N, C-alpha and C. Protein backbone atom coordinates (compact mmCIF):
# COMPACT_ATOMS: atom_id res chain seq x y z
N MET A 1 10.12 1.63 12.39
CA MET A 1 11.17 2.65 12.27
C MET A 1 11.95 2.75 13.58
N SER A 2 13.27 2.76 13.47
CA SER A 2 14.11 2.90 14.66
C SER A 2 14.10 4.34 15.13
N ILE A 3 14.54 4.55 16.37
CA ILE A 3 14.56 5.90 16.90
C ILE A 3 15.58 6.76 16.15
N ASP A 4 16.70 6.17 15.72
CA ASP A 4 17.70 6.94 14.97
C ASP A 4 17.15 7.40 13.62
N ALA A 5 16.42 6.52 12.95
CA ALA A 5 15.81 6.89 11.67
C ALA A 5 14.76 7.98 11.88
N LEU A 6 13.99 7.85 12.95
CA LEU A 6 12.98 8.87 13.25
C LEU A 6 13.62 10.22 13.46
N LEU A 7 14.69 10.25 14.25
CA LEU A 7 15.35 11.52 14.54
C LEU A 7 15.93 12.14 13.27
N TYR A 8 16.44 11.32 12.38
CA TYR A 8 17.04 11.85 11.16
C TYR A 8 15.99 12.47 10.26
N TRP A 9 14.94 11.71 9.97
CA TRP A 9 13.94 12.21 9.02
C TRP A 9 13.07 13.32 9.61
N VAL A 10 12.74 13.20 10.88
CA VAL A 10 11.99 14.28 11.52
C VAL A 10 12.86 15.53 11.64
N GLY A 11 14.14 15.32 11.90
CA GLY A 11 15.05 16.46 11.96
C GLY A 11 15.15 17.18 10.62
N LEU A 12 15.21 16.43 9.52
CA LEU A 12 15.24 17.05 8.20
C LEU A 12 13.94 17.81 7.93
N ALA A 13 12.82 17.20 8.30
CA ALA A 13 11.53 17.86 8.11
C ALA A 13 11.46 19.15 8.93
N ALA A 14 11.98 19.10 10.15
CA ALA A 14 11.97 20.29 11.01
C ALA A 14 12.82 21.40 10.41
N VAL A 15 13.97 21.04 9.86
CA VAL A 15 14.83 22.04 9.20
C VAL A 15 14.09 22.70 8.04
N ALA A 16 13.44 21.88 7.21
CA ALA A 16 12.72 22.42 6.05
C ALA A 16 11.58 23.35 6.48
N VAL A 17 10.80 22.91 7.47
CA VAL A 17 9.66 23.71 7.91
C VAL A 17 10.12 25.02 8.53
N ASN A 18 11.18 24.97 9.32
CA ASN A 18 11.66 26.21 9.94
C ASN A 18 12.26 27.16 8.91
N ALA A 19 12.92 26.60 7.90
CA ALA A 19 13.44 27.45 6.82
C ALA A 19 12.30 28.16 6.11
N LEU A 20 11.20 27.45 5.91
CA LEU A 20 10.03 28.05 5.28
C LEU A 20 9.51 29.22 6.11
N THR A 21 9.42 29.04 7.42
CA THR A 21 8.93 30.13 8.27
C THR A 21 9.87 31.33 8.23
N GLY A 22 11.17 31.04 8.13
CA GLY A 22 12.13 32.13 8.06
C GLY A 22 11.93 32.99 6.84
N VAL A 23 11.71 32.35 5.69
CA VAL A 23 11.49 33.10 4.45
C VAL A 23 10.18 33.87 4.50
N LEU A 24 9.13 33.24 5.01
CA LEU A 24 7.84 33.93 5.10
C LEU A 24 7.94 35.16 5.99
N ASP A 25 8.66 35.04 7.09
CA ASP A 25 8.80 36.19 7.99
C ASP A 25 9.69 37.25 7.35
N ALA A 26 10.76 36.83 6.67
CA ALA A 26 11.62 37.78 5.98
C ALA A 26 10.86 38.50 4.88
N GLY A 27 9.90 37.80 4.27
CA GLY A 27 9.10 38.41 3.22
C GLY A 27 8.29 39.59 3.72
N ARG A 28 7.85 39.52 4.99
CA ARG A 28 7.10 40.64 5.56
C ARG A 28 7.96 41.90 5.65
N LYS A 29 9.28 41.70 5.73
CA LYS A 29 10.22 42.82 5.82
C LYS A 29 10.79 43.18 4.45
N GLN A 30 10.28 42.53 3.41
CA GLN A 30 10.69 42.81 2.03
C GLN A 30 12.19 42.65 1.83
N MET A 31 12.76 41.58 2.41
CA MET A 31 14.18 41.30 2.24
C MET A 31 14.44 40.74 0.85
N ASP A 32 15.68 40.90 0.38
CA ASP A 32 16.04 40.32 -0.91
C ASP A 32 16.38 38.84 -0.72
N LEU A 33 16.79 38.19 -1.80
CA LEU A 33 17.02 36.74 -1.76
C LEU A 33 18.06 36.34 -0.73
N ILE A 34 19.18 37.05 -0.71
CA ILE A 34 20.25 36.69 0.23
C ILE A 34 19.79 36.88 1.67
N GLY A 35 19.13 37.99 1.93
CA GLY A 35 18.64 38.23 3.28
C GLY A 35 17.66 37.17 3.72
N ALA A 36 16.73 36.81 2.83
CA ALA A 36 15.74 35.78 3.16
C ALA A 36 16.41 34.43 3.40
N LEU A 37 17.42 34.11 2.61
CA LEU A 37 18.12 32.82 2.79
C LEU A 37 18.89 32.80 4.11
N LEU A 38 19.50 33.92 4.47
CA LEU A 38 20.20 33.97 5.75
C LEU A 38 19.24 33.76 6.91
N VAL A 39 18.08 34.40 6.84
CA VAL A 39 17.08 34.21 7.89
C VAL A 39 16.60 32.76 7.91
N ALA A 40 16.38 32.18 6.72
CA ALA A 40 15.91 30.79 6.63
C ALA A 40 16.90 29.83 7.27
N VAL A 41 18.18 29.98 6.92
CA VAL A 41 19.20 29.07 7.45
C VAL A 41 19.37 29.25 8.95
N ALA A 42 19.38 30.49 9.41
CA ALA A 42 19.51 30.74 10.85
C ALA A 42 18.34 30.17 11.62
N THR A 43 17.14 30.31 11.07
CA THR A 43 15.94 29.77 11.73
C THR A 43 15.97 28.25 11.76
N ALA A 44 16.39 27.65 10.65
CA ALA A 44 16.35 26.20 10.53
C ALA A 44 17.43 25.51 11.37
N LEU A 45 18.58 26.15 11.51
CA LEU A 45 19.72 25.47 12.13
C LEU A 45 20.09 26.04 13.50
N GLY A 46 19.51 27.17 13.87
CA GLY A 46 19.93 27.85 15.10
C GLY A 46 19.70 27.08 16.37
N GLY A 47 18.49 26.51 16.53
CA GLY A 47 18.17 25.81 17.78
C GLY A 47 19.04 24.58 17.99
N GLY A 48 19.20 23.78 16.94
CA GLY A 48 20.04 22.59 17.05
C GLY A 48 21.49 22.93 17.27
N THR A 49 21.95 24.04 16.71
CA THR A 49 23.33 24.46 16.90
C THR A 49 23.59 24.82 18.36
N VAL A 50 22.70 25.60 18.95
CA VAL A 50 22.85 25.96 20.37
C VAL A 50 22.82 24.71 21.24
N ARG A 51 21.89 23.80 20.95
CA ARG A 51 21.82 22.54 21.71
C ARG A 51 23.13 21.78 21.65
N ASP A 52 23.68 21.62 20.45
CA ASP A 52 24.89 20.83 20.29
C ASP A 52 26.08 21.50 20.97
N LEU A 53 26.15 22.82 20.92
CA LEU A 53 27.24 23.52 21.61
C LEU A 53 27.13 23.35 23.12
N LEU A 54 25.91 23.42 23.65
CA LEU A 54 25.72 23.23 25.09
C LEU A 54 26.06 21.81 25.53
N LEU A 55 25.79 20.85 24.66
CA LEU A 55 26.07 19.45 24.99
C LEU A 55 27.50 19.04 24.65
N ASP A 56 28.30 19.99 24.13
CA ASP A 56 29.67 19.69 23.69
C ASP A 56 29.65 18.55 22.66
N ARG A 57 28.74 18.70 21.71
CA ARG A 57 28.51 17.69 20.67
C ARG A 57 28.84 18.30 19.32
N ASN A 58 29.31 17.49 18.38
CA ASN A 58 29.56 18.01 17.04
C ASN A 58 28.27 18.58 16.45
N VAL A 59 28.34 19.80 15.94
CA VAL A 59 27.15 20.47 15.43
C VAL A 59 26.57 19.67 14.26
N PHE A 60 25.27 19.41 14.32
CA PHE A 60 24.64 18.43 13.45
C PHE A 60 24.79 18.75 11.97
N TRP A 61 24.67 20.02 11.59
CA TRP A 61 24.71 20.35 10.17
C TRP A 61 26.14 20.45 9.64
N VAL A 62 27.11 20.53 10.53
CA VAL A 62 28.51 20.47 10.13
C VAL A 62 28.91 19.02 9.86
N VAL A 63 28.39 18.11 10.67
CA VAL A 63 28.65 16.68 10.48
C VAL A 63 27.96 16.16 9.23
N ASP A 64 26.74 16.58 9.00
CA ASP A 64 25.95 16.12 7.85
C ASP A 64 25.37 17.35 7.14
N GLN A 65 25.99 17.74 6.03
CA GLN A 65 25.56 18.95 5.34
C GLN A 65 24.22 18.79 4.63
N THR A 66 23.62 17.60 4.69
CA THR A 66 22.27 17.43 4.13
C THR A 66 21.30 18.40 4.79
N TYR A 67 21.47 18.64 6.09
CA TYR A 67 20.59 19.57 6.79
C TYR A 67 20.75 20.98 6.23
N LEU A 68 21.97 21.39 5.96
CA LEU A 68 22.23 22.72 5.40
C LEU A 68 21.62 22.83 4.00
N MET A 69 21.79 21.78 3.20
CA MET A 69 21.24 21.79 1.85
C MET A 69 19.72 21.84 1.88
N ALA A 70 19.12 21.13 2.84
CA ALA A 70 17.66 21.15 2.97
C ALA A 70 17.16 22.54 3.32
N ALA A 71 17.89 23.23 4.21
CA ALA A 71 17.50 24.59 4.59
C ALA A 71 17.61 25.54 3.40
N LEU A 72 18.70 25.45 2.66
CA LEU A 72 18.90 26.33 1.52
C LEU A 72 17.89 26.05 0.42
N ALA A 73 17.65 24.76 0.14
CA ALA A 73 16.72 24.40 -0.93
C ALA A 73 15.30 24.85 -0.59
N THR A 74 14.89 24.62 0.65
CA THR A 74 13.55 25.04 1.06
C THR A 74 13.43 26.55 1.02
N GLY A 75 14.48 27.24 1.47
CA GLY A 75 14.46 28.69 1.44
C GLY A 75 14.33 29.24 0.02
N LEU A 76 15.07 28.67 -0.91
CA LEU A 76 15.00 29.11 -2.30
C LEU A 76 13.61 28.90 -2.90
N VAL A 77 13.09 27.70 -2.73
CA VAL A 77 11.77 27.38 -3.29
C VAL A 77 10.70 28.27 -2.68
N THR A 78 10.74 28.43 -1.36
CA THR A 78 9.73 29.26 -0.69
C THR A 78 9.82 30.70 -1.15
N PHE A 79 11.03 31.21 -1.31
CA PHE A 79 11.20 32.60 -1.73
C PHE A 79 10.53 32.86 -3.08
N PHE A 80 10.79 32.00 -4.04
CA PHE A 80 10.27 32.26 -5.39
C PHE A 80 8.78 31.91 -5.53
N VAL A 81 8.30 31.00 -4.70
CA VAL A 81 6.87 30.67 -4.75
C VAL A 81 6.06 31.69 -3.97
N ALA A 82 6.48 31.98 -2.74
CA ALA A 82 5.69 32.84 -1.86
C ALA A 82 5.64 34.28 -2.36
N ARG A 83 6.70 34.75 -3.05
CA ARG A 83 6.71 36.15 -3.48
C ARG A 83 5.69 36.42 -4.57
N SER A 84 5.18 35.36 -5.21
CA SER A 84 4.18 35.54 -6.26
C SER A 84 2.76 35.30 -5.75
N LEU A 85 2.64 35.05 -4.43
CA LEU A 85 1.34 34.78 -3.84
C LEU A 85 0.99 35.84 -2.80
N ALA A 86 -0.29 35.97 -2.55
CA ALA A 86 -0.74 36.85 -1.47
C ALA A 86 -0.76 36.03 -0.18
N VAL A 87 0.30 36.15 0.61
CA VAL A 87 0.46 35.33 1.82
C VAL A 87 -0.03 36.12 3.03
N PRO A 88 -1.01 35.60 3.78
CA PRO A 88 -1.47 36.28 5.00
C PRO A 88 -0.30 36.45 5.98
N PRO A 89 -0.22 37.59 6.67
CA PRO A 89 0.92 37.85 7.55
C PRO A 89 1.14 36.80 8.63
N ARG A 90 0.05 36.20 9.14
CA ARG A 90 0.19 35.24 10.23
C ARG A 90 0.25 33.79 9.76
N LEU A 91 0.36 33.59 8.42
CA LEU A 91 0.38 32.23 7.91
C LEU A 91 1.55 31.43 8.45
N PHE A 92 2.68 32.12 8.68
CA PHE A 92 3.88 31.39 9.12
C PHE A 92 3.71 30.77 10.50
N LEU A 93 2.67 31.17 11.25
CA LEU A 93 2.47 30.60 12.58
C LEU A 93 2.16 29.11 12.53
N ILE A 94 1.52 28.64 11.46
CA ILE A 94 1.19 27.22 11.36
C ILE A 94 2.43 26.37 11.12
N PRO A 95 3.23 26.65 10.07
CA PRO A 95 4.48 25.88 9.95
C PRO A 95 5.41 26.08 11.13
N ASP A 96 5.36 27.26 11.75
CA ASP A 96 6.18 27.49 12.93
C ASP A 96 5.79 26.54 14.05
N ALA A 97 4.48 26.30 14.22
CA ALA A 97 4.00 25.35 15.23
C ALA A 97 4.47 23.93 14.92
N ILE A 98 4.45 23.58 13.63
CA ILE A 98 4.93 22.25 13.23
C ILE A 98 6.42 22.11 13.51
N GLY A 99 7.19 23.13 13.13
CA GLY A 99 8.62 23.09 13.39
C GLY A 99 8.94 23.02 14.87
N LEU A 100 8.18 23.75 15.67
CA LEU A 100 8.35 23.72 17.13
C LEU A 100 8.17 22.30 17.65
N ALA A 101 7.11 21.63 17.21
CA ALA A 101 6.83 20.27 17.68
C ALA A 101 7.93 19.30 17.26
N LEU A 102 8.35 19.38 16.00
CA LEU A 102 9.35 18.44 15.50
C LEU A 102 10.70 18.65 16.17
N PHE A 103 11.16 19.89 16.19
CA PHE A 103 12.49 20.17 16.75
C PHE A 103 12.55 19.91 18.25
N THR A 104 11.46 20.19 18.95
CA THR A 104 11.45 19.99 20.41
C THR A 104 11.70 18.53 20.76
N ILE A 105 11.01 17.64 20.08
CA ILE A 105 11.15 16.22 20.42
C ILE A 105 12.47 15.66 19.94
N VAL A 106 12.93 16.09 18.76
CA VAL A 106 14.25 15.66 18.29
C VAL A 106 15.32 16.09 19.28
N GLY A 107 15.26 17.34 19.72
CA GLY A 107 16.26 17.84 20.66
C GLY A 107 16.26 17.09 21.98
N THR A 108 15.07 16.75 22.45
CA THR A 108 14.98 16.02 23.72
C THR A 108 15.57 14.62 23.58
N GLN A 109 15.23 13.94 22.50
CA GLN A 109 15.75 12.59 22.29
C GLN A 109 17.27 12.58 22.14
N ILE A 110 17.79 13.57 21.42
CA ILE A 110 19.25 13.65 21.27
C ILE A 110 19.92 13.87 22.62
N ALA A 111 19.35 14.74 23.44
CA ALA A 111 19.92 14.98 24.77
C ALA A 111 19.85 13.73 25.63
N LEU A 112 18.75 12.98 25.53
CA LEU A 112 18.64 11.72 26.29
C LEU A 112 19.69 10.71 25.82
N GLN A 113 19.90 10.64 24.51
CA GLN A 113 20.93 9.74 23.98
C GLN A 113 22.32 10.17 24.43
N TRP A 114 22.47 11.45 24.75
CA TRP A 114 23.74 11.97 25.24
C TRP A 114 23.88 11.78 26.75
N HIS A 115 22.89 11.06 27.32
CA HIS A 115 22.89 10.69 28.75
C HIS A 115 22.84 11.90 29.68
N THR A 116 22.08 12.92 29.28
CA THR A 116 21.86 14.03 30.19
C THR A 116 20.74 13.67 31.16
N PRO A 117 20.69 14.29 32.34
CA PRO A 117 19.56 14.07 33.26
C PRO A 117 18.26 14.50 32.60
N TRP A 118 17.15 13.96 33.07
CA TRP A 118 15.86 14.18 32.40
C TRP A 118 15.47 15.65 32.33
N LEU A 119 15.73 16.41 33.40
CA LEU A 119 15.35 17.82 33.39
C LEU A 119 16.18 18.60 32.38
N VAL A 120 17.47 18.29 32.34
CA VAL A 120 18.34 18.94 31.35
C VAL A 120 17.89 18.58 29.94
N ALA A 121 17.54 17.31 29.73
CA ALA A 121 17.07 16.88 28.41
C ALA A 121 15.81 17.63 28.00
N SER A 122 14.92 17.85 28.95
CA SER A 122 13.68 18.57 28.62
C SER A 122 13.99 20.01 28.22
N LEU A 123 14.94 20.63 28.90
CA LEU A 123 15.31 22.01 28.56
C LEU A 123 16.04 22.06 27.22
N MET A 124 16.88 21.05 26.93
CA MET A 124 17.55 20.98 25.64
C MET A 124 16.53 20.86 24.51
N GLY A 125 15.47 20.11 24.75
CA GLY A 125 14.41 20.00 23.75
C GLY A 125 13.72 21.32 23.52
N MET A 126 13.42 22.01 24.60
CA MET A 126 12.75 23.31 24.47
C MET A 126 13.66 24.30 23.75
N ILE A 127 14.94 24.30 24.10
CA ILE A 127 15.90 25.20 23.44
C ILE A 127 15.96 24.90 21.94
N THR A 128 16.02 23.62 21.59
CA THR A 128 16.07 23.25 20.18
C THR A 128 14.83 23.75 19.44
N GLY A 129 13.69 23.70 20.12
CA GLY A 129 12.45 24.09 19.48
C GLY A 129 12.28 25.59 19.32
N VAL A 130 12.74 26.37 20.29
CA VAL A 130 12.38 27.80 20.28
C VAL A 130 13.49 28.73 19.79
N ILE A 131 14.76 28.33 19.90
CA ILE A 131 15.84 29.27 19.62
C ILE A 131 15.87 29.70 18.15
N GLY A 132 15.55 28.79 17.24
CA GLY A 132 15.52 29.17 15.83
C GLY A 132 14.54 30.30 15.58
N GLY A 133 13.36 30.21 16.21
CA GLY A 133 12.37 31.27 16.08
C GLY A 133 12.83 32.57 16.71
N VAL A 134 13.56 32.48 17.82
CA VAL A 134 14.10 33.68 18.47
C VAL A 134 15.07 34.38 17.53
N ILE A 135 15.97 33.61 16.91
CA ILE A 135 16.94 34.19 15.99
C ILE A 135 16.22 34.81 14.79
N ARG A 136 15.22 34.11 14.26
CA ARG A 136 14.45 34.63 13.12
C ARG A 136 13.83 35.99 13.46
N ASP A 137 13.19 36.06 14.63
CA ASP A 137 12.51 37.30 15.00
C ASP A 137 13.50 38.44 15.21
N ILE A 138 14.65 38.14 15.80
CA ILE A 138 15.66 39.18 16.01
C ILE A 138 16.18 39.69 14.66
N LEU A 139 16.47 38.76 13.74
CA LEU A 139 16.96 39.17 12.42
C LEU A 139 15.92 39.97 11.66
N CYS A 140 14.65 39.71 11.93
CA CYS A 140 13.57 40.46 11.28
C CYS A 140 13.15 41.68 12.08
N ASN A 141 13.94 42.01 13.11
CA ASN A 141 13.71 43.21 13.93
C ASN A 141 12.35 43.17 14.63
N ASP A 142 11.99 41.98 15.11
CA ASP A 142 10.77 41.81 15.89
C ASP A 142 11.13 41.34 17.29
N VAL A 143 10.25 41.59 18.25
CA VAL A 143 10.41 40.99 19.57
C VAL A 143 10.11 39.50 19.45
N PRO A 144 11.01 38.62 19.87
CA PRO A 144 10.77 37.18 19.74
C PRO A 144 9.44 36.77 20.38
N MET A 145 8.70 35.90 19.67
CA MET A 145 7.39 35.48 20.16
C MET A 145 7.46 34.86 21.54
N VAL A 146 8.56 34.16 21.82
CA VAL A 146 8.66 33.46 23.10
C VAL A 146 8.72 34.45 24.26
N PHE A 147 9.10 35.71 24.01
CA PHE A 147 9.21 36.71 25.07
C PHE A 147 7.97 37.57 25.19
N LEU A 148 7.05 37.44 24.25
CA LEU A 148 5.85 38.26 24.27
C LEU A 148 4.80 37.70 25.22
N LYS A 149 3.96 38.58 25.73
CA LYS A 149 2.80 38.13 26.49
C LYS A 149 1.75 37.70 25.47
N GLY A 150 1.80 36.42 25.10
CA GLY A 150 0.92 35.92 24.06
C GLY A 150 0.62 34.45 24.27
N GLU A 151 0.20 33.80 23.18
CA GLU A 151 -0.22 32.41 23.28
C GLU A 151 0.93 31.49 23.71
N LEU A 152 0.57 30.36 24.29
CA LEU A 152 1.56 29.38 24.75
C LEU A 152 2.56 29.07 23.63
N TYR A 153 3.84 29.08 23.97
CA TYR A 153 4.87 28.79 22.98
C TYR A 153 5.93 27.88 23.60
N ALA A 154 6.85 28.46 24.35
CA ALA A 154 7.87 27.64 25.00
C ALA A 154 7.25 26.66 25.99
N SER A 155 6.18 27.08 26.65
CA SER A 155 5.52 26.20 27.62
C SER A 155 4.89 25.00 26.93
N ALA A 156 4.39 25.17 25.71
CA ALA A 156 3.85 24.04 24.95
C ALA A 156 4.96 23.05 24.62
N ALA A 157 6.12 23.59 24.23
CA ALA A 157 7.26 22.73 23.93
C ALA A 157 7.72 21.97 25.17
N TRP A 158 7.82 22.68 26.29
CA TRP A 158 8.30 22.03 27.52
C TRP A 158 7.32 20.96 27.98
N ALA A 159 6.03 21.22 27.85
CA ALA A 159 5.04 20.21 28.21
C ALA A 159 5.22 18.94 27.38
N GLY A 160 5.53 19.11 26.10
CA GLY A 160 5.75 17.96 25.24
C GLY A 160 6.98 17.16 25.63
N THR A 161 8.05 17.87 25.98
CA THR A 161 9.27 17.16 26.37
C THR A 161 9.05 16.35 27.65
N LEU A 162 8.39 16.98 28.62
CA LEU A 162 8.15 16.28 29.89
C LEU A 162 7.21 15.09 29.70
N ALA A 163 6.21 15.26 28.83
CA ALA A 163 5.29 14.16 28.57
C ALA A 163 6.03 12.99 27.93
N MET A 164 6.90 13.29 26.97
CA MET A 164 7.64 12.21 26.31
C MET A 164 8.57 11.49 27.28
N ILE A 165 9.28 12.25 28.08
CA ILE A 165 10.18 11.64 29.06
C ILE A 165 9.39 10.77 30.04
N GLY A 166 8.22 11.26 30.46
CA GLY A 166 7.38 10.48 31.36
C GLY A 166 6.88 9.20 30.72
N MET A 167 6.46 9.27 29.46
CA MET A 167 5.97 8.08 28.76
C MET A 167 7.08 7.05 28.60
N GLN A 168 8.28 7.50 28.28
CA GLN A 168 9.39 6.55 28.13
C GLN A 168 9.77 5.95 29.48
N ALA A 169 9.72 6.76 30.53
CA ALA A 169 10.03 6.23 31.86
C ALA A 169 9.02 5.18 32.29
N ALA A 170 7.78 5.29 31.77
CA ALA A 170 6.73 4.32 32.10
C ALA A 170 6.82 3.06 31.23
N GLY A 171 7.79 3.02 30.31
CA GLY A 171 8.00 1.82 29.52
C GLY A 171 7.52 1.89 28.08
N MET A 172 7.00 3.02 27.66
CA MET A 172 6.55 3.15 26.27
C MET A 172 7.75 3.22 25.33
N PRO A 173 7.69 2.56 24.17
CA PRO A 173 8.80 2.64 23.20
C PRO A 173 9.10 4.08 22.82
N SER A 174 10.38 4.37 22.58
CA SER A 174 10.81 5.74 22.30
C SER A 174 10.12 6.32 21.07
N VAL A 175 9.96 5.51 20.03
CA VAL A 175 9.35 6.02 18.79
C VAL A 175 7.90 6.41 19.04
N THR A 176 7.16 5.56 19.71
CA THR A 176 5.75 5.86 20.00
C THR A 176 5.63 7.10 20.88
N ALA A 177 6.46 7.17 21.92
CA ALA A 177 6.42 8.34 22.81
C ALA A 177 6.77 9.61 22.06
N SER A 178 7.68 9.51 21.11
CA SER A 178 8.09 10.68 20.34
C SER A 178 6.94 11.20 19.49
N TRP A 179 6.25 10.30 18.78
CA TRP A 179 5.12 10.72 17.95
C TRP A 179 4.01 11.35 18.78
N LEU A 180 3.71 10.74 19.91
CA LEU A 180 2.65 11.27 20.77
C LEU A 180 3.02 12.64 21.33
N ALA A 181 4.28 12.78 21.71
CA ALA A 181 4.72 14.07 22.25
C ALA A 181 4.73 15.15 21.18
N MET A 182 5.13 14.80 19.96
CA MET A 182 5.06 15.77 18.86
C MET A 182 3.63 16.24 18.64
N ALA A 183 2.71 15.28 18.67
CA ALA A 183 1.30 15.63 18.50
C ALA A 183 0.82 16.54 19.62
N LEU A 184 1.27 16.27 20.84
CA LEU A 184 0.86 17.10 21.98
C LEU A 184 1.35 18.53 21.83
N VAL A 185 2.62 18.71 21.47
CA VAL A 185 3.16 20.06 21.29
C VAL A 185 2.40 20.79 20.20
N LEU A 186 2.15 20.11 19.09
CA LEU A 186 1.46 20.74 17.97
C LEU A 186 0.03 21.13 18.35
N ILE A 187 -0.68 20.23 19.02
CA ILE A 187 -2.06 20.52 19.42
C ILE A 187 -2.10 21.68 20.41
N LEU A 188 -1.19 21.69 21.37
CA LEU A 188 -1.16 22.78 22.35
C LEU A 188 -0.88 24.12 21.68
N ARG A 189 0.07 24.12 20.77
CA ARG A 189 0.43 25.38 20.11
C ARG A 189 -0.70 25.87 19.20
N LEU A 190 -1.28 24.97 18.42
CA LEU A 190 -2.37 25.38 17.53
C LEU A 190 -3.60 25.83 18.33
N ALA A 191 -3.88 25.12 19.43
CA ALA A 191 -5.00 25.52 20.28
C ALA A 191 -4.74 26.88 20.91
N ALA A 192 -3.48 27.13 21.28
CA ALA A 192 -3.13 28.43 21.87
C ALA A 192 -3.33 29.55 20.86
N ILE A 193 -2.96 29.29 19.59
CA ILE A 193 -3.15 30.31 18.55
C ILE A 193 -4.64 30.55 18.31
N ARG A 194 -5.39 29.45 18.24
CA ARG A 194 -6.82 29.55 17.91
C ARG A 194 -7.63 30.18 19.04
N TYR A 195 -7.34 29.76 20.28
CA TYR A 195 -8.16 30.19 21.41
C TYR A 195 -7.44 31.18 22.33
N HIS A 196 -6.26 31.63 21.92
CA HIS A 196 -5.50 32.63 22.68
C HIS A 196 -5.22 32.15 24.11
N LEU A 197 -4.73 30.93 24.21
CA LEU A 197 -4.38 30.36 25.52
C LEU A 197 -3.06 30.95 25.98
N THR A 198 -3.02 31.44 27.20
CA THR A 198 -1.81 32.07 27.73
C THR A 198 -1.54 31.60 29.14
N LEU A 199 -0.32 31.83 29.58
CA LEU A 199 0.03 31.63 30.98
C LEU A 199 -0.24 32.94 31.74
N PRO A 200 -0.42 32.87 33.05
CA PRO A 200 -0.58 34.11 33.82
C PRO A 200 0.63 35.01 33.65
N ALA A 201 0.40 36.29 33.50
CA ALA A 201 1.48 37.26 33.36
C ALA A 201 1.73 37.96 34.69
N PHE A 202 3.00 38.37 34.89
CA PHE A 202 3.34 39.09 36.12
C PHE A 202 2.91 40.53 35.98
N SER A 203 1.97 40.94 36.82
CA SER A 203 1.47 42.31 36.82
C SER A 203 1.60 42.86 38.24
N PRO A 204 2.67 43.59 38.51
CA PRO A 204 2.86 44.09 39.87
C PRO A 204 1.72 45.02 40.29
N GLN A 205 1.32 44.88 41.55
CA GLN A 205 0.26 45.73 42.08
C GLN A 205 0.81 47.12 42.36
N ARG A 206 0.06 48.11 41.95
CA ARG A 206 0.47 49.49 42.20
C ARG A 206 -0.08 49.98 43.54
N ASP A 207 0.74 50.71 44.23
CA ASP A 207 0.31 51.32 45.49
C ASP A 207 -0.76 52.38 45.19
N ALA A 208 -1.90 52.27 45.85
CA ALA A 208 -3.01 53.19 45.60
C ALA A 208 -2.61 54.63 45.91
N ASN A 209 -1.61 54.82 46.80
CA ASN A 209 -1.21 56.17 47.17
C ASN A 209 -0.13 56.75 46.27
N SER A 210 0.36 55.90 45.34
CA SER A 210 1.47 56.38 44.50
C SER A 210 0.92 57.10 43.27
């Protein structure tokens, strides 16, 4: 598989998975069909849209509406299936971790193809991975997970981008490095959820006399 084919199919999968998480999260707020679809589409397309605007690149789903159709189709199916099931509130964290891994690496590779410096490319990958979830949480009136003092999220994505860039710089084929980096992001995120892995939080020391 070529790197372009990988980016296309993984990108479609990421759109579908993120749309699913959007509907599941909207379901917790008891939104109607239109509201759930809006959240699904914003979640699925938001990160890539911000990336493309920052890179002064044609927005991916405007160029190829297959991505938009995938988001809408997944949102519709998820809405009608999930509403008839007893879905655990935190179930969406698993597909969210998958979407994070897929979108992060796609975003990084696209930025590298756009000839951005490696550090910028790593940040573009992280933005692609996390912004959709930020938009989803805001639309659902929640504090975005990436801003909470909780399990590794954006840091897992950034670790994956840096690992992939490092592997490619060492001579590893782009496709192989991409798969390995996706696996790394997914493993880090799932391990963080399971074992509550966090980064140190800033806790200012209080003056004993205050």
